[in-house]
Amino acid sequence: MKIHKDDYLIKPVISWKNAPAYKVAKILTNKLLTYIPLPYTYNVKNTTHLINDLKEIPYNQDLRLASLDIANMYTNIPTDELITITDKACQNNYIENNLKHDIVKLAKAIIE
């Protein structure tokens, strides 16, 4: 429950770990990480990783840290562009055509 909100909205929490699309998404994630290395310049794995990264930044008293709350992020992802980006990433990393086709097909199945 979000007690800081006026309506005290209660939202159900559902575990999708046993859903077929979740398992397929995990397989796709592993394939993408294996064949298409992504830069982790702006990614944070967890709170400890963030704290360690912040310790490395030189700062002064005028430095400010901003944290943005993204609402409905996943519903706003342009899925057609995602497929195109995935296809181009496979091409740029010289993924063989059969594997590229499978990766793109898995991505389409998951987002549709």
PDB file of N, CA and C in Angstrom:
ATOM      1  N   MET A   1       0.843  -1.171   0.000  1.00  0.00           N
ATOM      2  CA  MET A   1       0.000   0.000   0.000  1.00  0.00           C
ATOM      3  C   MET A   1       0.892   1.239   0.000  1.00  0.00           C
ATOM      4  N   LYS A   2       0.519   2.217  -0.785  1.00  0.00           N
ATOM      5  CA  LYS A   2       1.278   3.464  -0.826  1.00  0.00           C
ATOM      6  C   LYS A   2       0.615   4.462   0.115  1.00  0.00           C
ATOM      7  N   ILE A   3       1.092   4.504   1.357  1.00  0.00           N
ATOM      8  CA  ILE A   3       0.443   5.327   2.377  1.00  0.00           C
ATOM      9  C   ILE A   3       0.703   6.813   2.185  1.00  0.00           C
ATOM     10  N   HIS A   4       1.680   7.170   1.354  1.00  0.00           N
ATOM     11  CA  HIS A   4       1.938   8.583   1.110  1.00  0.00           C
ATOM     12  C   HIS A   4       0.988   9.165   0.060  1.00  0.00           C
ATOM     13  N   LYS A   5       0.163   8.323  -0.543  1.00  0.00           N
ATOM     14  CA  LYS A   5      -0.813   8.786  -1.532  1.00  0.00           C
ATOM     15  C   LYS A   5      -2.169   8.945  -0.858  1.00  0.00           C
ATOM     16  N   ASP A   6      -2.979   9.843  -1.386  1.00  0.00           N
ATOM     17  CA  ASP A   6      -4.267  10.160  -0.772  1.00  0.00           C
ATOM     18  C   ASP A   6      -5.234   8.981  -0.721  1.00  0.00           C
ATOM     19  N   ASP A   7      -5.295   8.197  -1.796  1.00  0.00           N
ATOM     20  CA  ASP A   7      -6.296   7.136  -1.877  1.00  0.00           C
ATOM     21  C   ASP A   7      -5.867   5.805  -1.262  1.00  0.00           C
ATOM     22  N   TYR A   8      -4.631   5.707  -0.774  1.00  0.00           N
ATOM     23  CA  TYR A   8      -4.100   4.446  -0.242  1.00  0.00           C
ATOM     24  C   TYR A   8      -4.366   3.295  -1.203  1.00  0.00           C
ATOM     25  N   LEU A   9      -3.894   3.448  -2.416  1.00  0.00           N
ATOM     26  CA  LEU A   9      -4.139   2.440  -3.440  1.00  0.00           C
ATOM     27  C   LEU A   9      -3.492   1.104  -3.075  1.00  0.00           C
ATOM     28  N   ILE A  10      -4.263   0.046  -3.203  1.00  0.00           N
ATOM     29  CA  ILE A  10      -3.741  -1.300  -3.001  1.00  0.00           C
ATOM     30  C   ILE A  10      -3.640  -1.937  -4.378  1.00  0.00           C
ATOM     31  N   LYS A  11      -2.432  -2.368  -4.718  1.00  0.00           N
ATOM     32  CA  LYS A  11      -2.214  -2.988  -6.026  1.00  0.00           C
ATOM     33  C   LYS A  11      -1.756  -4.420  -5.801  1.00  0.00           C
ATOM     34  N   PRO A  12      -2.330  -5.368  -6.552  1.00  0.00           N
ATOM     35  CA  PRO A  12      -1.906  -6.760  -6.374  1.00  0.00           C
ATOM     36  C   PRO A  12      -0.482  -6.964  -6.890  1.00  0.00           C
ATOM     37  N   VAL A  13       0.241  -7.819  -6.222  1.00  0.00           N
ATOM     38  CA  VAL A  13       1.582  -8.199  -6.656  1.00  0.00           C
ATOM     39  C   VAL A  13       1.489  -9.632  -7.144  1.00  0.00           C
ATOM     40  N   ILE A  14       1.842  -9.819  -8.402  1.00  0.00           N
ATOM     41  CA  ILE A  14       1.702 -11.135  -9.020  1.00  0.00           C
ATOM     42  C   ILE A  14       3.071 -11.611  -9.483  1.00  0.00           C
ATOM     43  N   SER A  15       3.417 -12.816  -9.141  1.00  0.00           N
ATOM     44  CA  SER A  15       4.668 -13.400  -9.595  1.00  0.00           C
ATOM     45  C   SER A  15       4.420 -14.081 -10.935  1.00  0.00           C
ATOM     46  N   TRP A  16       5.165 -13.648 -11.931  1.00  0.00           N
ATOM     47  CA  TRP A  16       5.026 -14.219 -13.276  1.00  0.00           C
ATOM     48  C   TRP A  16       6.163 -15.189 -13.586  1.00  0.00           C
ATOM     49  N   LYS A  17       6.920 -15.604 -12.568  1.00  0.00           N
ATOM     50  CA  LYS A  17       8.101 -16.435 -12.806  1.00  0.00           C
ATOM     51  C   LYS A  17       7.775 -17.779 -13.444  1.00  0.00           C
ATOM     52  N   ASN A  18       6.568 -18.264 -13.278  1.00  0.00           N
ATOM     53  CA  ASN A  18       6.203 -19.548 -13.885  1.00  0.00           C
ATOM     54  C   ASN A  18       5.476 -19.381 -15.216  1.00  0.00           C
ATOM     55  N   ALA A  19       5.276 -18.152 -15.648  1.00  0.00           N
ATOM     56  CA  ALA A  19       4.599 -17.900 -16.923  1.00  0.00           C
ATOM     57  C   ALA A  19       5.540 -18.222 -18.079  1.00  0.00           C
ATOM     58  N   PRO A  20       5.024 -18.795 -19.159  1.00  0.00           N
ATOM     59  CA  PRO A  20       5.877 -19.141 -20.303  1.00  0.00           C
ATOM     60  C   PRO A  20       6.642 -17.942 -20.876  1.00  0.00           C
ATOM     61  N   ALA A  21       5.996 -16.793 -20.986  1.00  0.00           N
ATOM     62  CA  ALA A  21       6.669 -15.620 -21.556  1.00  0.00           C
ATOM     63  C   ALA A  21       7.835 -15.164 -20.676  1.00  0.00           C
ATOM     64  N   TYR A  22       7.723 -15.337 -19.373  1.00  0.00           N
ATOM     65  CA  TYR A  22       8.810 -14.960 -18.465  1.00  0.00           C
ATOM     66  C   TYR A  22      10.032 -15.839 -18.729  1.00  0.00           C
ATOM     67  N   LYS A  23       9.782 -17.131 -18.875  1.00  0.00           N
ATOM     68  CA  LYS A  23      10.884 -18.061 -19.113  1.00  0.00           C
ATOM     69  C   LYS A  23      11.538 -17.812 -20.476  1.00  0.00           C
ATOM     70  N   VAL A  24      10.737 -17.527 -21.487  1.00  0.00           N
ATOM     71  CA  VAL A  24      11.265 -17.227 -22.809  1.00  0.00           C
ATOM     72  C   VAL A  24      12.061 -15.919 -22.766  1.00  0.00           C
ATOM     73  N   ALA A  25      11.576 -14.948 -22.007  1.00  0.00           N
ATOM     74  CA  ALA A  25      12.289 -13.669 -21.876  1.00  0.00           C
ATOM     75  C   ALA A  25      13.645 -13.879 -21.204  1.00  0.00           C
ATOM     76  N   LYS A  26      13.725 -14.764 -20.221  1.00  0.00           N
ATOM     77  CA  LYS A  26      15.001 -15.069 -19.579  1.00  0.00           C
ATOM     78  C   LYS A  26      15.978 -15.694 -20.575  1.00  0.00           C
ATOM     79  N   ILE A  27      15.478 -16.594 -21.401  1.00  0.00           N
ATOM     80  CA  ILE A  27      16.320 -17.221 -22.436  1.00  0.00           C
ATOM     81  C   ILE A  27      16.826 -16.162 -23.406  1.00  0.00           C
ATOM     82  N   LEU A  28      15.922 -15.287 -23.843  1.00  0.00           N
ATOM     83  CA  LEU A  28      16.306 -14.229 -24.775  1.00  0.00           C
ATOM     84  C   LEU A  28      17.338 -13.299 -24.144  1.00  0.00           C
ATOM     85  N   THR A  29      17.141 -12.943 -22.897  1.00  0.00           N
ATOM     86  CA  THR A  29      18.083 -12.068 -22.198  1.00  0.00           C
ATOM     87  C   THR A  29      19.474 -12.690 -22.171  1.00  0.00           C
ATOM     88  N   ASN A  30      19.541 -13.968 -21.852  1.00  0.00           N
ATOM     89  CA  ASN A  30      20.837 -14.651 -21.818  1.00  0.00           C
ATOM     90  C   ASN A  30      21.492 -14.688 -23.193  1.00  0.00           C
ATOM     91  N   LYS A  31      20.707 -14.921 -24.238  1.00  0.00           N
ATOM     92  CA  LYS A  31      21.249 -14.933 -25.600  1.00  0.00           C
ATOM     93  C   LYS A  31      21.770 -13.550 -25.986  1.00  0.00           C
ATOM     94  N   LEU A  32      20.987 -12.515 -25.676  1.00  0.00           N
ATOM     95  CA  LEU A  32      21.410 -11.156 -26.019  1.00  0.00           C
ATOM     96  C   LEU A  32      22.689 -10.786 -25.281  1.00  0.00           C
ATOM     97  N   LEU A  33      22.777 -11.136 -24.002  1.00  0.00           N
ATOM     98  CA  LEU A  33      23.981 -10.823 -23.233  1.00  0.00           C
ATOM     99  C   LEU A  33      25.193 -11.593 -23.743  1.00  0.00           C
ATOM    100  N   THR A  34      24.964 -12.800 -24.242  1.00  0.00           N
ATOM    101  CA  THR A  34      26.053 -13.620 -24.763  1.00  0.00           C
ATOM    102  C   THR A  34      26.565 -13.103 -26.105  1.00  0.00           C
ATOM    103  N   TYR A  35      25.644 -12.768 -27.003  1.00  0.00           N
ATOM    104  CA  TYR A  35      26.026 -12.442 -28.379  1.00  0.00           C
ATOM    105  C   TYR A  35      26.118 -10.951 -28.677  1.00  0.00           C
ATOM    106  N   ILE A  36      25.433 -10.134 -27.903  1.00  0.00           N
ATOM    107  CA  ILE A  36      25.422  -8.696 -28.164  1.00  0.00           C
ATOM    108  C   ILE A  36      25.816  -7.969 -26.879  1.00  0.00           C
ATOM    109  N   PRO A  37      27.106  -7.699 -26.716  1.00  0.00           N
ATOM    110  CA  PRO A  37      27.531  -7.012 -25.492  1.00  0.00           C
ATOM    111  C   PRO A  37      26.988  -5.585 -25.442  1.00  0.00           C
ATOM    112  N   LEU A  38      26.403  -5.238 -24.320  1.00  0.00           N
ATOM    113  CA  LEU A  38      25.826  -3.908 -24.148  1.00  0.00           C
ATOM    114  C   LEU A  38      26.684  -3.094 -23.199  1.00  0.00           C
ATOM    115  N   PRO A  39      26.881  -1.820 -23.487  1.00  0.00           N
ATOM    116  CA  PRO A  39      27.660  -1.005 -22.547  1.00  0.00           C
ATOM    117  C   PRO A  39      26.854  -0.768 -21.268  1.00  0.00           C
ATOM    118  N   TYR A  40      27.511  -0.854 -20.136  1.00  0.00           N
ATOM    119  CA  TYR A  40      26.837  -0.663 -18.857  1.00  0.00           C
ATOM    120  C   TYR A  40      27.125   0.717 -18.277  1.00  0.00           C
ATOM    121  N   THR A  41      27.329   1.670 -19.132  1.00  0.00           N
ATOM    122  CA  THR A  41      27.708   3.006 -18.697  1.00  0.00           C
ATOM    123  C   THR A  41      26.688   3.619 -17.746  1.00  0.00           C
ATOM    124  N   TYR A  42      25.417   3.468 -18.033  1.00  0.00           N
ATOM    125  CA  TYR A  42      24.381   4.121 -17.235  1.00  0.00           C
ATOM    126  C   TYR A  42      23.504   3.126 -16.483  1.00  0.00           C
ATOM    127  N   ASN A  43      23.896   1.880 -16.422  1.00  0.00           N
ATOM    128  CA  ASN A  43      23.098   0.869 -15.750  1.00  0.00           C
ATOM    129  C   ASN A  43      23.590   0.648 -14.329  1.00  0.00           C
ATOM    130  N   VAL A  44      22.657   0.379 -13.429  1.00  0.00           N
ATOM    131  CA  VAL A  44      22.985   0.073 -12.044  1.00  0.00           C
ATOM    132  C   VAL A  44      22.332  -1.265 -11.720  1.00  0.00           C
ATOM    133  N   LYS A  45      23.121  -2.211 -11.203  1.00  0.00           N
ATOM    134  CA  LYS A  45      22.603  -3.543 -10.890  1.00  0.00           C
ATOM    135  C   LYS A  45      21.774  -3.550  -9.612  1.00  0.00           C
ATOM    136  N   ASN A  46      22.260  -2.823  -8.594  1.00  0.00           N
ATOM    137  CA  ASN A  46      21.579  -2.806  -7.301  1.00  0.00           C
ATOM    138  C   ASN A  46      22.068  -1.599  -6.496  1.00  0.00           C
ATOM    139  N   THR A  47      21.576  -1.439  -5.297  1.00  0.00           N
ATOM    140  CA  THR A  47      21.926  -0.284  -4.470  1.00  0.00           C
ATOM    141  C   THR A  47      23.413  -0.238  -4.157  1.00  0.00           C
ATOM    142  N   THR A  48      23.995  -1.383  -3.859  1.00  0.00           N
ATOM    143  CA  THR A  48      25.427  -1.428  -3.548  1.00  0.00           C
ATOM    144  C   THR A  48      26.258  -0.959  -4.732  1.00  0.00           C
ATOM    145  N   HIS A  49      25.884  -1.398  -5.919  1.00  0.00           N
ATOM    146  CA  HIS A  49      26.578  -0.975  -7.139  1.00  0.00           C
ATOM    147  C   HIS A  49      26.472   0.540  -7.308  1.00  0.00           C
ATOM    148  N   LEU A  50      25.295   1.099  -7.061  1.00  0.00           N
ATOM    149  CA  LEU A  50      25.102   2.550  -7.169  1.00  0.00           C
ATOM    150  C   LEU A  50      25.991   3.287  -6.163  1.00  0.00           C
ATOM    151  N   ILE A  51      26.012   2.833  -4.933  1.00  0.00           N
ATOM    152  CA  ILE A  51      26.813   3.490  -3.893  1.00  0.00           C
ATOM    153  C   ILE A  51      28.296   3.457  -4.265  1.00  0.00           C
ATOM    154  N   ASN A  52      28.773   2.325  -4.733  1.00  0.00           N
ATOM    155  CA  ASN A  52      30.180   2.218  -5.130  1.00  0.00           C
ATOM    156  C   ASN A  52      30.506   3.138  -6.307  1.00  0.00           C
ATOM    157  N   ASP A  53      29.581   3.223  -7.271  1.00  0.00           N
ATOM    158  CA  ASP A  53      29.787   4.134  -8.407  1.00  0.00           C
ATOM    159  C   ASP A  53      29.813   5.590  -7.944  1.00  0.00           C
ATOM    160  N   LEU A  54      28.922   5.941  -7.023  1.00  0.00           N
ATOM    161  CA  LEU A  54      28.858   7.321  -6.539  1.00  0.00           C
ATOM    162  C   LEU A  54      30.116   7.707  -5.765  1.00  0.00           C
ATOM    163  N   LYS A  55      30.708   6.747  -5.071  1.00  0.00           N
ATOM    164  CA  LYS A  55      31.933   7.026  -4.317  1.00  0.00           C
ATOM    165  C   LYS A  55      33.088   7.414  -5.239  1.00  0.00           C
ATOM    166  N   GLU A  56      33.043   6.957  -6.486  1.00  0.00           N
ATOM    167  CA  GLU A  56      34.125   7.219  -7.440  1.00  0.00           C
ATOM    168  C   GLU A  56      34.008   8.584  -8.117  1.00  0.00           C
ATOM    169  N   ILE A  57      32.874   9.259  -7.950  1.00  0.00           N
ATOM    170  CA  ILE A  57      32.661  10.549  -8.614  1.00  0.00           C
ATOM    171  C   ILE A  57      33.217  11.673  -7.748  1.00  0.00           C
ATOM    172  N   PRO A  58      34.139  12.465  -8.305  1.00  0.00           N
ATOM    173  CA  PRO A  58      34.606  13.620  -7.535  1.00  0.00           C
ATOM    174  C   PRO A  58      33.459  14.628  -7.405  1.00  0.00           C
ATOM    175  N   TYR A  59      33.315  15.225  -6.247  1.00  0.00           N
ATOM    176  CA  TYR A  59      32.177  16.127  -6.042  1.00  0.00           C
ATOM    177  C   TYR A  59      32.583  17.337  -5.206  1.00  0.00           C
ATOM    178  N   ASN A  60      31.710  18.336  -5.293  1.00  0.00           N
ATOM    179  CA  ASN A  60      31.843  19.502  -4.425  1.00  0.00           C
ATOM    180  C   ASN A  60      30.473  19.776  -3.810  1.00  0.00           C
ATOM    181  N   GLN A  61      30.340  20.819  -3.035  1.00  0.00           N
ATOM    182  CA  GLN A  61      29.084  21.081  -2.322  1.00  0.00           C
ATOM    183  C   GLN A  61      27.947  21.483  -3.251  1.00  0.00           C
ATOM    184  N   ASP A  62      28.251  21.881  -4.474  1.00  0.00           N
ATOM    185  CA  ASP A  62      27.202  22.284  -5.409  1.00  0.00           C
ATOM    186  C   ASP A  62      26.617  21.113  -6.202  1.00  0.00           C
ATOM    187  N   LEU A  63      27.195  19.942  -6.084  1.00  0.00           N
ATOM    188  CA  LEU A  63      26.724  18.768  -6.822  1.00  0.00           C
ATOM    189  C   LEU A  63      25.367  18.325  -6.295  1.00  0.00           C
ATOM    190  N   ARG A  64      24.455  17.990  -7.212  1.00  0.00           N
ATOM    191  CA  ARG A  64      23.122  17.505  -6.844  1.00  0.00           C
ATOM    192  C   ARG A  64      22.861  16.185  -7.564  1.00  0.00           C
ATOM    193  N   LEU A  65      22.223  15.277  -6.879  1.00  0.00           N
ATOM    194  CA  LEU A  65      21.853  13.991  -7.444  1.00  0.00           C
ATOM    195  C   LEU A  65      20.347  13.986  -7.662  1.00  0.00           C
ATOM    196  N   ALA A  66      19.931  13.627  -8.857  1.00  0.00           N
ATOM    197  CA  ALA A  66      18.504  13.567  -9.168  1.00  0.00           C
ATOM    198  C   ALA A  66      18.101  12.119  -9.406  1.00  0.00           C
ATOM    199  N   SER A  67      16.967  11.747  -8.878  1.00  0.00           N
ATOM    200  CA  SER A  67      16.407  10.423  -9.098  1.00  0.00           C
ATOM    201  C   SER A  67      15.040  10.614  -9.752  1.00  0.00           C
ATOM    202  N   LEU A  68      14.848   9.993 -10.901  1.00  0.00           N
ATOM    203  CA  LEU A  68      13.602  10.171 -11.641  1.00  0.00           C
ATOM    204  C   LEU A  68      12.723   8.940 -11.492  1.00  0.00           C
ATOM    205  N   ASP A  69      11.462   9.150 -11.215  1.00  0.00           N
ATOM    206  CA  ASP A  69      10.494   8.071 -11.101  1.00  0.00           C
ATOM    207  C   ASP A  69       9.815   7.931 -12.456  1.00  0.00           C
ATOM    208  N   ILE A  70      10.025   6.815 -13.097  1.00  0.00           N
ATOM    209  CA  ILE A  70       9.456   6.610 -14.429  1.00  0.00           C
ATOM    210  C   ILE A  70       8.124   5.896 -14.279  1.00  0.00           C
ATOM    211  N   ALA A  71       7.075   6.499 -14.802  1.00  0.00           N
ATOM    212  CA  ALA A  71       5.740   5.912 -14.720  1.00  0.00           C
ATOM    213  C   ALA A  71       5.385   5.260 -16.047  1.00  0.00           C
ATOM    214  N   ASN A  72       4.855   4.070 -15.988  1.00  0.00           N
ATOM    215  CA  ASN A  72       4.394   3.347 -17.172  1.00  0.00           C
ATOM    216  C   ASN A  72       5.480   3.218 -18.236  1.00  0.00           C
ATOM    217  N   MET A  73       6.701   2.982 -17.798  1.00  0.00           N
ATOM    218  CA  MET A  73       7.820   2.912 -18.733  1.00  0.00           C
ATOM    219  C   MET A  73       7.623   1.810 -19.770  1.00  0.00           C
ATOM    220  N   TYR A  74       7.239   0.631 -19.359  1.00  0.00           N
ATOM    221  CA  TYR A  74       7.167  -0.484 -20.288  1.00  0.00           C
ATOM    222  C   TYR A  74       6.016  -0.355 -21.273  1.00  0.00           C
ATOM    223  N   THR A  75       4.958   0.322 -20.896  1.00  0.00           N
ATOM    224  CA  THR A  75       3.845   0.494 -21.835  1.00  0.00           C
ATOM    225  C   THR A  75       4.162   1.527 -22.901  1.00  0.00           C
ATOM    226  N   ASN A  76       5.231   2.300 -22.706  1.00  0.00           N
ATOM    227  CA  ASN A  76       5.595   3.334 -23.672  1.00  0.00           C
ATOM    228  C   ASN A  76       6.749   2.942 -24.589  1.00  0.00           C
ATOM    229  N   ILE A  77       7.230   1.724 -24.480  1.00  0.00           N
ATOM    230  CA  ILE A  77       8.318   1.283 -25.348  1.00  0.00           C
ATOM    231  C   ILE A  77       7.756   1.019 -26.737  1.00  0.00           C
ATOM    232  N   PRO A  78       8.308   1.689 -27.765  1.00  0.00           N
ATOM    233  CA  PRO A  78       7.829   1.449 -29.135  1.00  0.00           C
ATOM    234  C   PRO A  78       8.307   0.078 -29.615  1.00  0.00           C
ATOM    235  N   THR A  79       7.409  -0.893 -29.641  1.00  0.00           N
ATOM    236  CA  THR A  79       7.798  -2.280 -29.913  1.00  0.00           C
ATOM    237  C   THR A  79       8.335  -2.479 -31.328  1.00  0.00           C
ATOM    238  N   ASP A  80       7.814  -1.753 -32.309  1.00  0.00           N
ATOM    239  CA  ASP A  80       8.324  -1.896 -33.676  1.00  0.00           C
ATOM    240  C   ASP A  80       9.794  -1.481 -33.734  1.00  0.00           C
ATOM    241  N   GLU A  81      10.117  -0.410 -33.063  1.00  0.00           N
ATOM    242  CA  GLU A  81      11.509   0.049 -33.028  1.00  0.00           C
ATOM    243  C   GLU A  81      12.389  -0.939 -32.278  1.00  0.00           C
ATOM    244  N   LEU A  82      11.845  -1.578 -31.248  1.00  0.00           N
ATOM    245  CA  LEU A  82      12.610  -2.557 -30.481  1.00  0.00           C
ATOM    246  C   LEU A  82      13.047  -3.716 -31.371  1.00  0.00           C
ATOM    247  N   ILE A  83      12.166  -4.190 -32.221  1.00  0.00           N
ATOM    248  CA  ILE A  83      12.497  -5.284 -33.135  1.00  0.00           C
ATOM    249  C   ILE A  83      13.570  -4.830 -34.118  1.00  0.00           C
ATOM    250  N   THR A  84      13.424  -3.626 -34.647  1.00  0.00           N
ATOM    251  CA  THR A  84      14.413  -3.084 -35.587  1.00  0.00           C
ATOM    252  C   THR A  84      15.776  -2.933 -34.912  1.00  0.00           C
ATOM    253  N   ILE A  85      15.783  -2.410 -33.697  1.00  0.00           N
ATOM    254  CA  ILE A  85      17.041  -2.233 -32.956  1.00  0.00           C
ATOM    255  C   ILE A  85      17.690  -3.585 -32.678  1.00  0.00           C
ATOM    256  N   THR A  86      16.893  -4.568 -32.287  1.00  0.00           N
ATOM    257  CA  THR A  86      17.428  -5.909 -32.013  1.00  0.00           C
ATOM    258  C   THR A  86      18.029  -6.509 -33.277  1.00  0.00           C
ATOM    259  N   ASP A  87      17.326  -6.368 -34.395  1.00  0.00           N
ATOM    260  CA  ASP A  87      17.813  -6.885 -35.675  1.00  0.00           C
ATOM    261  C   ASP A  87      19.141  -6.217 -36.064  1.00  0.00           C
ATOM    262  N   LYS A  88      19.194  -4.904 -35.944  1.00  0.00           N
ATOM    263  CA  LYS A  88      20.428  -4.176 -36.294  1.00  0.00           C
ATOM    264  C   LYS A  88      21.574  -4.516 -35.344  1.00  0.00           C
ATOM    265  N   ALA A  89      21.268  -4.704 -34.063  1.00  0.00           N
ATOM    266  CA  ALA A  89      22.307  -5.076 -33.104  1.00  0.00           C
ATOM    267  C   ALA A  89      22.890  -6.446 -33.460  1.00  0.00           C
ATOM    268  N   CYS A  90      22.047  -7.349 -33.903  1.00  0.00           N
ATOM    269  CA  CYS A  90      22.526  -8.665 -34.342  1.00  0.00           C
ATOM    270  C   CYS A  90      23.423  -8.522 -35.568  1.00  0.00           C
ATOM    271  N   GLN A  91      23.003  -7.691 -36.515  1.00  0.00           N
ATOM    272  CA  GLN A  91      23.815  -7.468 -37.720  1.00  0.00           C
ATOM    273  C   GLN A  91      25.152  -6.835 -37.359  1.00  0.00           C
ATOM    274  N   ASN A  92      25.137  -5.830 -36.496  1.00  0.00           N
ATOM    275  CA  ASN A  92      26.365  -5.128 -36.119  1.00  0.00           C
ATOM    276  C   ASN A  92      27.355  -6.022 -35.375  1.00  0.00           C
ATOM    277  N   ASN A  93      26.838  -7.075 -34.729  1.00  0.00           N
ATOM    278  CA  ASN A  93      27.700  -7.997 -33.994  1.00  0.00           C
ATOM    279  C   ASN A  93      27.946  -9.291 -34.772  1.00  0.00           C
ATOM    280  N   TYR A  94      27.615  -9.270 -36.053  1.00  0.00           N
ATOM    281  CA  TYR A  94      27.879 -10.379 -36.974  1.00  0.00           C
ATOM    282  C   TYR A  94      27.299 -11.708 -36.502  1.00  0.00           C
ATOM    283  N   ILE A  95      26.059 -11.654 -36.020  1.00  0.00           N
ATOM    284  CA  ILE A  95      25.347 -12.860 -35.607  1.00  0.00           C
ATOM    285  C   ILE A  95      24.900 -13.579 -36.878  1.00  0.00           C
ATOM    286  N   GLU A  96      25.099 -14.892 -36.916  1.00  0.00           N
ATOM    287  CA  GLU A  96      24.685 -15.639 -38.112  1.00  0.00           C
ATOM    288  C   GLU A  96      23.178 -15.509 -38.320  1.00  0.00           C
ATOM    289  N   ASN A  97      22.744 -15.618 -39.569  1.00  0.00           N
ATOM    290  CA  ASN A  97      21.354 -15.339 -39.930  1.00  0.00           C
ATOM    291  C   ASN A  97      20.338 -16.203 -39.191  1.00  0.00           C
ATOM    292  N   ASN A  98      20.628 -17.499 -39.029  1.00  0.00           N
ATOM    293  CA  ASN A  98      19.675 -18.379 -38.331  1.00  0.00           C
ATOM    294  C   ASN A  98      19.479 -17.956 -36.879  1.00  0.00           C
ATOM    295  N   LEU A  99      20.580 -17.649 -36.203  1.00  0.00           N
ATOM    296  CA  LEU A  99      20.493 -17.210 -34.814  1.00  0.00           C
ATOM    297  C   LEU A  99      19.813 -15.846 -34.717  1.00  0.00           C
ATOM    298  N   LYS A 100      20.154 -14.927 -35.624  1.00  0.00           N
ATOM    299  CA  LYS A 100      19.516 -13.603 -35.643  1.00  0.00           C
ATOM    300  C   LYS A 100      18.008 -13.748 -35.826  1.00  0.00           C
ATOM    301  N   HIS A 101      17.612 -14.612 -36.749  1.00  0.00           N
ATOM    302  CA  HIS A 101      16.185 -14.848 -36.998  1.00  0.00           C
ATOM    303  C   HIS A 101      15.500 -15.362 -35.726  1.00  0.00           C
ATOM    304  N   ASP A 102      16.151 -16.307 -35.014  1.00  0.00           N
ATOM    305  CA  ASP A 102      15.576 -16.855 -33.777  1.00  0.00           C
ATOM    306  C   ASP A 102      15.459 -15.792 -32.692  1.00  0.00           C
ATOM    307  N   ILE A 103      16.483 -14.945 -32.557  1.00  0.00           N
ATOM    308  CA  ILE A 103      16.461 -13.893 -31.545  1.00  0.00           C
ATOM    309  C   ILE A 103      15.337 -12.902 -31.821  1.00  0.00           C
ATOM    310  N   VAL A 104      15.200 -12.485 -33.067  1.00  0.00           N
ATOM    311  CA  VAL A 104      14.147 -11.535 -33.437  1.00  0.00           C
ATOM    312  C   VAL A 104      12.771 -12.174 -33.250  1.00  0.00           C
ATOM    313  N   LYS A 105      12.657 -13.445 -33.612  1.00  0.00           N
ATOM    314  CA  LYS A 105      11.381 -14.152 -33.457  1.00  0.00           C
ATOM    315  C   LYS A 105      10.998 -14.268 -31.976  1.00  0.00           C
ATOM    316  N   LEU A 106      11.970 -14.582 -31.117  1.00  0.00           N
ATOM    317  CA  LEU A 106      11.706 -14.634 -29.675  1.00  0.00           C
ATOM    318  C   LEU A 106      11.277 -13.267 -29.147  1.00  0.00           C
ATOM    319  N   ALA A 107      11.970 -12.217 -29.579  1.00  0.00           N
ATOM    320  CA  ALA A 107      11.623 -10.866 -29.127  1.00  0.00           C
ATOM    321  C   ALA A 107      10.195 -10.514 -29.540  1.00  0.00           C
ATOM    322  N   LYS A 108       9.816 -10.837 -30.765  1.00  0.00           N
ATOM    323  CA  LYS A 108       8.444 -10.560 -31.228  1.00  0.00           C
ATOM    324  C   LYS A 108       7.421 -11.325 -30.405  1.00  0.00           C
ATOM    325  N   ALA A 109       7.715 -12.587 -30.132  1.00  0.00           N
ATOM    326  CA  ALA A 109       6.780 -13.422 -29.360  1.00  0.00           C
ATOM    327  C   ALA A 109       6.566 -12.856 -27.961  1.00  0.00           C
ATOM    328  N   ILE A 110       7.638 -12.381 -27.369  1.00  0.00           N
ATOM    329  CA  ILE A 110       7.544 -11.856 -26.007  1.00  0.00           C
ATOM    330  C   ILE A 110       6.746 -10.557 -25.945  1.00  0.00           C
ATOM    331  N   ILE A 111       7.016  -9.647 -26.863  1.00  0.00           N
ATOM    332  CA  ILE A 111       6.347  -8.347 -26.785  1.00  0.00           C
ATOM    333  C   ILE A 111       4.926  -8.363 -27.330  1.00  0.00           C
ATOM    334  N   GLU A 112       4.610  -9.371 -28.111  1.00  0.00           N
ATOM    335  CA  GLU A 112       3.245  -9.454 -28.641  1.00  0.00           C
ATOM    336  C   GLU A 112       2.376 -10.280 -27.720  1.00  0.00           C
TER     337      GLU A 112
END
